[in-house]
Amino acid sequence: SITEYGKEAFQREDWLPYDPEGYVGALKEKVPNIDDITLAYIGESITAYNRRHLLSATLTLGVASENLMLLLIEAYLNWIKDAKRRAAFENKIKDRFIYTQYKEFKLEFINDIKNLPKELQGDWETYLDGVFNFIRLNRNSAGHPTGKKLNAKIVYANLQIFSEYTSYIFSLIQHFS
């Protein structure tokens, strides 16, 4: 049965990862064009979180986030009209690790921010630098045998912000398509 807290949370539309199917369904509703790879990894992350497998939850969330960033970088690359600029950017990111690709993307993207629709201009640093890097750094911590214990509240917070982050990324992708 649903507790009073649960009823209040559903009314406030909180993104509670305690209901994997509900979370994924709400994410699909918020971002209808979300891809299957991201959905597969976020679904695994939520399931792992609910079983308190925090390493697995963090790793799969990181992969979902990385996939979103790769989709964004690909859409941005295809959006660049100037063939010389596009080729130079492609050479900088080809066969590179995600952090290098992101760093090069950001250096290019800064030149185009003023050309974005107003609703996309203001939050790019929060979502791209903030959320992407926070999830990436947590994934790196979980993915290396450091013995570091993960904090369930941090994993929970990452799962909470993931929907807004995904929505923003797909808004950019749509703009670049």
C-alpha atoms as a PDB file:
ATOM      1  CA  SER A   1       0.000   0.000   0.000  1.00  0.00           C
ATOM      2  CA  ILE A   2       1.063   3.575  -0.549  1.00  0.00           C
ATOM      3  CA  THR A   3       2.108   5.544   2.517  1.00  0.00           C
ATOM      4  CA  GLU A   4       1.045   9.130   3.135  1.00  0.00           C
ATOM      5  CA  TYR A   5       4.564  10.210   2.150  1.00  0.00           C
ATOM      6  CA  GLY A   6       4.237   8.244  -1.102  1.00  0.00           C
ATOM      7  CA  LYS A   7       0.909   9.895  -1.911  1.00  0.00           C
ATOM      8  CA  GLU A   8       2.371  13.344  -1.278  1.00  0.00           C
ATOM      9  CA  ALA A   9       5.441  12.561  -3.390  1.00  0.00           C
ATOM     10  CA  PHE A  10       3.325  11.416  -6.330  1.00  0.00           C
ATOM     11  CA  GLN A  11       1.203  14.567  -6.082  1.00  0.00           C
ATOM     12  CA  ARG A  12       4.348  16.721  -6.120  1.00  0.00           C
ATOM     13  CA  GLU A  13       5.605  14.707  -9.107  1.00  0.00           C
ATOM     14  CA  ASP A  14       8.880  13.860  -7.373  1.00  0.00           C
ATOM     15  CA  TRP A  15      11.066  11.503  -9.343  1.00  0.00           C
ATOM     16  CA  LEU A  16      11.299   8.664  -6.897  1.00  0.00           C
ATOM     17  CA  PRO A  17      13.586   5.863  -7.995  1.00  0.00           C
ATOM     18  CA  TYR A  18      11.756   3.442  -5.685  1.00  0.00           C
ATOM     19  CA  ASP A  19       9.403   2.591  -8.541  1.00  0.00           C
ATOM     20  CA  PRO A  20      11.623   1.547 -11.483  1.00  0.00           C
ATOM     21  CA  GLU A  21       8.778   1.122 -13.987  1.00  0.00           C
ATOM     22  CA  GLY A  22       7.164   4.375 -12.900  1.00  0.00           C
ATOM     23  CA  TYR A  23      10.464   6.251 -13.127  1.00  0.00           C
ATOM     24  CA  VAL A  24      11.226   4.941 -16.610  1.00  0.00           C
ATOM     25  CA  GLY A  25       7.642   5.623 -17.720  1.00  0.00           C
ATOM     26  CA  ALA A  26       7.779   9.180 -16.408  1.00  0.00           C
ATOM     27  CA  LEU A  27      11.142   9.693 -18.110  1.00  0.00           C
ATOM     28  CA  LYS A  28       9.708   8.458 -21.434  1.00  0.00           C
ATOM     29  CA  GLU A  29       6.793  10.827 -20.997  1.00  0.00           C
ATOM     30  CA  LYS A  30       9.067  13.778 -20.224  1.00  0.00           C
ATOM     31  CA  VAL A  31      11.515  12.930 -23.034  1.00  0.00           C
ATOM     32  CA  PRO A  32       9.494  11.059 -25.698  1.00  0.00           C
ATOM     33  CA  ASN A  33      12.430  10.745 -28.091  1.00  0.00           C
ATOM     34  CA  ILE A  34      14.794   9.210 -25.513  1.00  0.00           C
ATOM     35  CA  ASP A  35      16.862   6.398 -26.984  1.00  0.00           C
ATOM     36  CA  ASP A  36      16.744   2.737 -25.995  1.00  0.00           C
ATOM     37  CA  ILE A  37      20.373   2.598 -24.826  1.00  0.00           C
ATOM     38  CA  THR A  38      19.882   5.366 -22.280  1.00  0.00           C
ATOM     39  CA  LEU A  39      16.641   3.754 -21.112  1.00  0.00           C
ATOM     40  CA  ALA A  40      18.306   0.362 -20.687  1.00  0.00           C
ATOM     41  CA  TYR A  41      21.092   1.768 -18.538  1.00  0.00           C
ATOM     42  CA  ILE A  42      18.918   4.055 -16.432  1.00  0.00           C
ATOM     43  CA  GLY A  43      16.517   1.157 -15.845  1.00  0.00           C
ATOM     44  CA  GLU A  44      19.421  -0.988 -14.625  1.00  0.00           C
ATOM     45  CA  SER A  45      20.638   1.875 -12.454  1.00  0.00           C
ATOM     46  CA  ILE A  46      17.281   2.305 -10.742  1.00  0.00           C
ATOM     47  CA  THR A  47      16.933  -1.433 -10.154  1.00  0.00           C
ATOM     48  CA  ALA A  48      20.448  -1.617  -8.719  1.00  0.00           C
ATOM     49  CA  TYR A  49      19.784   1.400  -6.508  1.00  0.00           C
ATOM     50  CA  ASN A  50      16.662  -0.224  -5.081  1.00  0.00           C
ATOM     51  CA  ARG A  51      18.674  -3.304  -4.200  1.00  0.00           C
ATOM     52  CA  ARG A  52      21.316  -1.031  -2.636  1.00  0.00           C
ATOM     53  CA  HIS A  53      23.917  -2.077  -5.182  1.00  0.00           C
ATOM     54  CA  LEU A  54      25.334   1.431  -5.203  1.00  0.00           C
ATOM     55  CA  LEU A  55      28.430   0.626  -7.258  1.00  0.00           C
ATOM     56  CA  SER A  56      26.303  -0.901 -10.015  1.00  0.00           C
ATOM     57  CA  ALA A  57      23.742   1.902  -9.833  1.00  0.00           C
ATOM     58  CA  THR A  58      26.480   4.511 -10.157  1.00  0.00           C
ATOM     59  CA  LEU A  59      28.218   2.733 -13.024  1.00  0.00           C
ATOM     60  CA  THR A  60      25.067   2.235 -15.077  1.00  0.00           C
ATOM     61  CA  LEU A  61      23.903   5.793 -14.424  1.00  0.00           C
ATOM     62  CA  GLY A  62      27.300   6.972 -15.624  1.00  0.00           C
ATOM     63  CA  VAL A  63      26.977   4.933 -18.806  1.00  0.00           C
ATOM     64  CA  ALA A  64      23.494   6.364 -19.440  1.00  0.00           C
ATOM     65  CA  SER A  65      24.896   9.870 -18.972  1.00  0.00           C
ATOM     66  CA  GLU A  66      27.872   9.160 -21.219  1.00  0.00           C
ATOM     67  CA  ASN A  67      25.539   7.880 -23.922  1.00  0.00           C
ATOM     68  CA  LEU A  68      23.540  11.109 -23.739  1.00  0.00           C
ATOM     69  CA  MET A  69      26.695  13.177 -24.082  1.00  0.00           C
ATOM     70  CA  LEU A  70      27.877  11.131 -27.069  1.00  0.00           C
ATOM     71  CA  LEU A  71      24.493  11.629 -28.746  1.00  0.00           C
ATOM     72  CA  LEU A  72      24.715  15.367 -28.090  1.00  0.00           C
ATOM     73  CA  ILE A  73      28.260  15.615 -29.445  1.00  0.00           C
ATOM     74  CA  GLU A  74      27.253  13.684 -32.569  1.00  0.00           C
ATOM     75  CA  ALA A  75      24.226  15.936 -33.158  1.00  0.00           C
ATOM     76  CA  TYR A  76      26.382  19.029 -32.622  1.00  0.00           C
ATOM     77  CA  LEU A  77      29.058  17.751 -35.019  1.00  0.00           C
ATOM     78  CA  ASN A  78      26.440  17.155 -37.727  1.00  0.00           C
ATOM     79  CA  TRP A  79      24.955  20.603 -37.063  1.00  0.00           C
ATOM     80  CA  ILE A  80      28.192  22.476 -37.807  1.00  0.00           C
ATOM     81  CA  LYS A  81      27.706  23.895 -41.290  1.00  0.00           C
ATOM     82  CA  ASP A  82      31.286  24.936 -42.054  1.00  0.00           C
ATOM     83  CA  ALA A  83      32.971  21.804 -43.439  1.00  0.00           C
ATOM     84  CA  LYS A  84      36.445  22.906 -42.351  1.00  0.00           C
ATOM     85  CA  ARG A  85      35.305  23.617 -38.792  1.00  0.00           C
ATOM     86  CA  ARG A  86      33.359  20.341 -38.669  1.00  0.00           C
ATOM     87  CA  ALA A  87      36.387  18.335 -39.877  1.00  0.00           C
ATOM     88  CA  ALA A  88      38.690  20.040 -37.351  1.00  0.00           C
ATOM     89  CA  PHE A  89      36.271  19.322 -34.517  1.00  0.00           C
ATOM     90  CA  GLU A  90      35.794  15.721 -35.650  1.00  0.00           C
ATOM     91  CA  ASN A  91      39.571  15.188 -35.663  1.00  0.00           C
ATOM     92  CA  LYS A  92      39.768  16.464 -32.081  1.00  0.00           C
ATOM     93  CA  ILE A  93      37.148  14.009 -30.791  1.00  0.00           C
ATOM     94  CA  LYS A  94      37.675  10.950 -32.984  1.00  0.00           C
ATOM     95  CA  ASP A  95      38.623   7.841 -30.972  1.00  0.00           C
ATOM     96  CA  ARG A  96      39.000   9.843 -27.742  1.00  0.00           C
ATOM     97  CA  PHE A  97      37.805   9.127 -24.228  1.00  0.00           C
ATOM     98  CA  ILE A  98      34.533  10.742 -23.209  1.00  0.00           C
ATOM     99  CA  TYR A  99      36.179  13.420 -21.073  1.00  0.00           C
ATOM    100  CA  THR A 100      38.370  14.549 -23.982  1.00  0.00           C
ATOM    101  CA  GLN A 101      35.380  14.551 -26.318  1.00  0.00           C
ATOM    102  CA  TYR A 102      33.388  16.586 -23.827  1.00  0.00           C
ATOM    103  CA  LYS A 103      36.235  19.044 -23.267  1.00  0.00           C
ATOM    104  CA  GLU A 104      36.612  19.611 -27.018  1.00  0.00           C
ATOM    105  CA  PHE A 105      32.835  19.848 -27.438  1.00  0.00           C
ATOM    106  CA  LYS A 106      32.636  22.498 -24.735  1.00  0.00           C
ATOM    107  CA  LEU A 107      35.408  24.564 -26.362  1.00  0.00           C
ATOM    108  CA  GLU A 108      33.470  24.533 -29.660  1.00  0.00           C
ATOM    109  CA  PHE A 109      30.023  24.848 -28.132  1.00  0.00           C
ATOM    110  CA  ILE A 110      30.921  28.048 -26.266  1.00  0.00           C
ATOM    111  CA  ASN A 111      31.181  29.767 -29.659  1.00  0.00           C
ATOM    112  CA  ASP A 112      27.558  28.901 -30.463  1.00  0.00           C
ATOM    113  CA  ILE A 113      25.759  29.497 -27.165  1.00  0.00           C
ATOM    114  CA  LYS A 114      24.549  32.965 -28.186  1.00  0.00           C
ATOM    115  CA  ASN A 115      22.871  31.390 -31.228  1.00  0.00           C
ATOM    116  CA  LEU A 116      20.803  28.983 -29.158  1.00  0.00           C
ATOM    117  CA  PRO A 117      17.174  29.668 -28.314  1.00  0.00           C
ATOM    118  CA  LYS A 118      16.938  31.694 -25.078  1.00  0.00           C
ATOM    119  CA  GLU A 119      15.499  28.760 -23.098  1.00  0.00           C
ATOM    120  CA  LEU A 120      18.622  26.691 -23.851  1.00  0.00           C
ATOM    121  CA  GLN A 121      21.228  29.379 -23.182  1.00  0.00           C
ATOM    122  CA  GLY A 122      20.930  29.776 -19.435  1.00  0.00           C
ATOM    123  CA  ASP A 123      21.297  26.267 -18.041  1.00  0.00           C
ATOM    124  CA  TRP A 124      24.043  24.744 -20.149  1.00  0.00           C
ATOM    125  CA  GLU A 125      26.760  25.103 -17.489  1.00  0.00           C
ATOM    126  CA  THR A 126      24.546  23.578 -14.801  1.00  0.00           C
ATOM    127  CA  TYR A 127      23.588  20.548 -16.863  1.00  0.00           C
ATOM    128  CA  LEU A 128      26.710  20.015 -18.910  1.00  0.00           C
ATOM    129  CA  ASP A 129      29.501  21.041 -16.575  1.00  0.00           C
ATOM    130  CA  GLY A 130      27.662  20.365 -13.353  1.00  0.00           C
ATOM    131  CA  VAL A 131      25.490  17.294 -13.771  1.00  0.00           C
ATOM    132  CA  PHE A 132      27.475  15.533 -16.501  1.00  0.00           C
ATOM    133  CA  ASN A 133      30.763  15.935 -14.652  1.00  0.00           C
ATOM    134  CA  PHE A 134      29.310  15.026 -11.261  1.00  0.00           C
ATOM    135  CA  ILE A 135      27.831  11.801 -12.626  1.00  0.00           C
ATOM    136  CA  ARG A 136      31.055  11.089 -14.556  1.00  0.00           C
ATOM    137  CA  LEU A 137      33.266  11.591 -11.503  1.00  0.00           C
ATOM    138  CA  ASN A 138      31.034   9.347  -9.387  1.00  0.00           C
ATOM    139  CA  ARG A 139      31.115   6.723 -12.119  1.00  0.00           C
ATOM    140  CA  ASN A 140      34.911   6.891 -12.159  1.00  0.00           C
ATOM    141  CA  SER A 141      35.012   6.460  -8.377  1.00  0.00           C
ATOM    142  CA  ALA A 142      32.748   3.429  -8.614  1.00  0.00           C
ATOM    143  CA  GLY A 143      34.545   1.962 -11.611  1.00  0.00           C
ATOM    144  CA  HIS A 144      38.003   1.752 -10.077  1.00  0.00           C
ATOM    145  CA  PRO A 145      38.939  -0.607  -7.221  1.00  0.00           C
ATOM    146  CA  THR A 146      39.490   2.097  -4.610  1.00  0.00           C
ATOM    147  CA  GLY A 147      37.350   0.542  -1.884  1.00  0.00           C
ATOM    148  CA  LYS A 148      35.608   3.873  -1.481  1.00  0.00           C
ATOM    149  CA  LYS A 149      32.062   3.519  -0.129  1.00  0.00           C
ATOM    150  CA  LEU A 150      29.400   5.292  -2.112  1.00  0.00           C
ATOM    151  CA  ASN A 151      26.802   7.434  -0.431  1.00  0.00           C
ATOM    152  CA  ALA A 152      23.218   6.330  -1.152  1.00  0.00           C
ATOM    153  CA  LYS A 153      22.061   9.951  -0.908  1.00  0.00           C
ATOM    154  CA  ILE A 154      24.415  10.994  -3.692  1.00  0.00           C
ATOM    155  CA  VAL A 155      23.238   8.164  -5.941  1.00  0.00           C
ATOM    156  CA  TYR A 156      19.648   9.126  -5.118  1.00  0.00           C
ATOM    157  CA  ALA A 157      20.344  12.783  -5.958  1.00  0.00           C
ATOM    158  CA  ASN A 158      21.914  11.798  -9.268  1.00  0.00           C
ATOM    159  CA  LEU A 159      18.855   9.724 -10.130  1.00  0.00           C
ATOM    160  CA  GLN A 160      16.625  12.650  -9.159  1.00  0.00           C
ATOM    161  CA  ILE A 161      18.383  15.161 -11.443  1.00  0.00           C
ATOM    162  CA  PHE A 162      18.835  12.724 -14.317  1.00  0.00           C
ATOM    163  CA  SER A 163      15.389  13.409 -15.795  1.00  0.00           C
ATOM    164  CA  GLU A 164      15.970  17.173 -16.027  1.00  0.00           C
ATOM    165  CA  TYR A 165      19.470  16.585 -17.371  1.00  0.00           C
ATOM    166  CA  THR A 166      18.122  14.174 -20.010  1.00  0.00           C
ATOM    167  CA  SER A 167      15.392  16.613 -20.986  1.00  0.00           C
ATOM    168  CA  TYR A 168      17.922  19.420 -21.448  1.00  0.00           C
ATOM    169  CA  ILE A 169      20.301  17.214 -23.469  1.00  0.00           C
ATOM    170  CA  PHE A 170      17.483  16.103 -25.784  1.00  0.00           C
ATOM    171  CA  SER A 171      16.341  19.710 -26.195  1.00  0.00           C
ATOM    172  CA  LEU A 172      19.840  20.540 -27.427  1.00  0.00           C
ATOM    173  CA  ILE A 173      19.892  17.462 -29.662  1.00  0.00           C
ATOM    174  CA  GLN A 174      16.555  18.464 -31.138  1.00  0.00           C
ATOM    175  CA  HIS A 175      17.857  21.986 -31.772  1.00  0.00           C
ATOM    176  CA  PHE A 176      20.941  20.607 -33.544  1.00  0.00           C
ATOM    177  CA  SER A 177      18.950  18.118 -35.643  1.00  0.00           C
END
